[in-house]
Amino acid sequence: MNPYPHELSIGDVYFSPLLLVTLLAFIAALLTVTLLNKLKLTRYFYAPAYVFIAIMALYAVLIDALWIQF
């Protein structure tokens, strides 16, 4: 048996934990990319949009593995 819940419930509506992980990863990636823009480090990237997706995927894996496990 898995000790973790398989769904997140808000009221009577059930959500997948992946929805929360994706939302948190998006917010964390947005903050990271904003910081990279302020430090002018994005000019060294060939395709900044792909870097955003890669950072978001990394955050999603880390959040899933370390914080919200499903």
Protein backbone atom coordinates (compact mmCIF):
# COMPACT_ATOMS: atom_id res chain seq x y z
CA MET A 1 0.00 0.00 0.00
CA ASN A 2 1.16 3.48 -0.83
CA PRO A 3 0.93 5.81 2.23
CA TYR A 4 0.48 8.84 -0.02
CA PRO A 5 -2.91 9.91 -1.38
CA HIS A 6 -3.52 9.24 -5.05
CA GLU A 7 -5.66 12.33 -5.53
CA LEU A 8 -5.84 15.82 -4.09
CA SER A 9 -9.32 16.88 -3.10
CA ILE A 10 -10.69 20.40 -2.96
CA GLY A 11 -14.23 20.11 -1.74
CA ASP A 12 -15.78 17.24 -3.65
CA VAL A 13 -13.53 17.63 -6.69
CA TYR A 14 -10.51 15.34 -7.06
CA PHE A 15 -7.36 16.49 -8.83
CA SER A 16 -4.29 14.60 -9.92
CA PRO A 17 -1.13 15.44 -7.95
CA LEU A 18 0.55 15.98 -11.31
CA LEU A 19 -1.58 19.10 -11.75
CA LEU A 20 -0.15 20.62 -8.57
CA VAL A 21 3.40 19.56 -9.48
CA THR A 22 3.05 21.16 -12.91
CA LEU A 23 1.70 24.39 -11.47
CA LEU A 24 4.48 24.65 -8.88
CA ALA A 25 7.13 23.80 -11.48
CA PHE A 26 5.77 26.49 -13.81
CA ILE A 27 5.89 29.13 -11.05
CA ALA A 28 9.41 28.10 -10.00
CA ALA A 29 10.64 28.12 -13.62
CA LEU A 30 9.05 31.53 -14.16
CA LEU A 31 10.90 32.92 -11.15
CA THR A 32 14.16 31.33 -12.29
CA VAL A 33 13.87 32.69 -15.82
CA THR A 34 12.99 36.14 -14.47
CA LEU A 35 16.15 36.04 -12.38
CA LEU A 36 18.18 34.92 -15.39
CA ASN A 37 16.73 37.81 -17.41
CA LYS A 38 17.60 40.33 -14.71
CA LEU A 39 21.17 39.02 -14.58
CA LYS A 40 21.30 39.10 -18.42
CA LEU A 41 22.32 35.45 -18.62
CA THR A 42 19.68 34.52 -21.18
CA ARG A 43 21.71 36.12 -23.96
CA TYR A 44 24.04 33.11 -23.80
CA PHE A 45 21.23 30.66 -24.66
CA TYR A 46 20.49 29.75 -28.24
CA ALA A 47 16.76 29.17 -27.65
CA PRO A 48 15.50 30.65 -24.36
CA ALA A 49 12.05 29.14 -24.80
CA TYR A 50 13.54 25.65 -24.79
CA VAL A 51 15.55 26.53 -21.70
CA PHE A 52 12.32 27.52 -19.95
CA ILE A 53 10.76 24.16 -20.79
CA ALA A 54 13.90 22.33 -19.64
CA ILE A 55 14.01 24.22 -16.33
CA MET A 56 10.32 23.53 -15.80
CA ALA A 57 10.86 19.82 -16.45
CA LEU A 58 13.74 19.75 -13.98
CA TYR A 59 11.65 21.45 -11.33
CA ALA A 60 8.79 19.03 -11.97
CA VAL A 61 11.07 16.04 -11.47
CA LEU A 62 12.58 17.53 -8.31
CA ILE A 63 9.22 18.50 -6.81
CA ASP A 64 7.81 15.08 -7.61
CA ALA A 65 10.79 13.19 -6.21
CA LEU A 66 11.38 15.23 -3.08
CA TRP A 67 8.14 16.90 -2.04
CA ILE A 68 4.87 15.72 -3.58
CA GLN A 69 5.24 12.05 -4.33
CA PHE A 70 2.61 10.24 -6.33
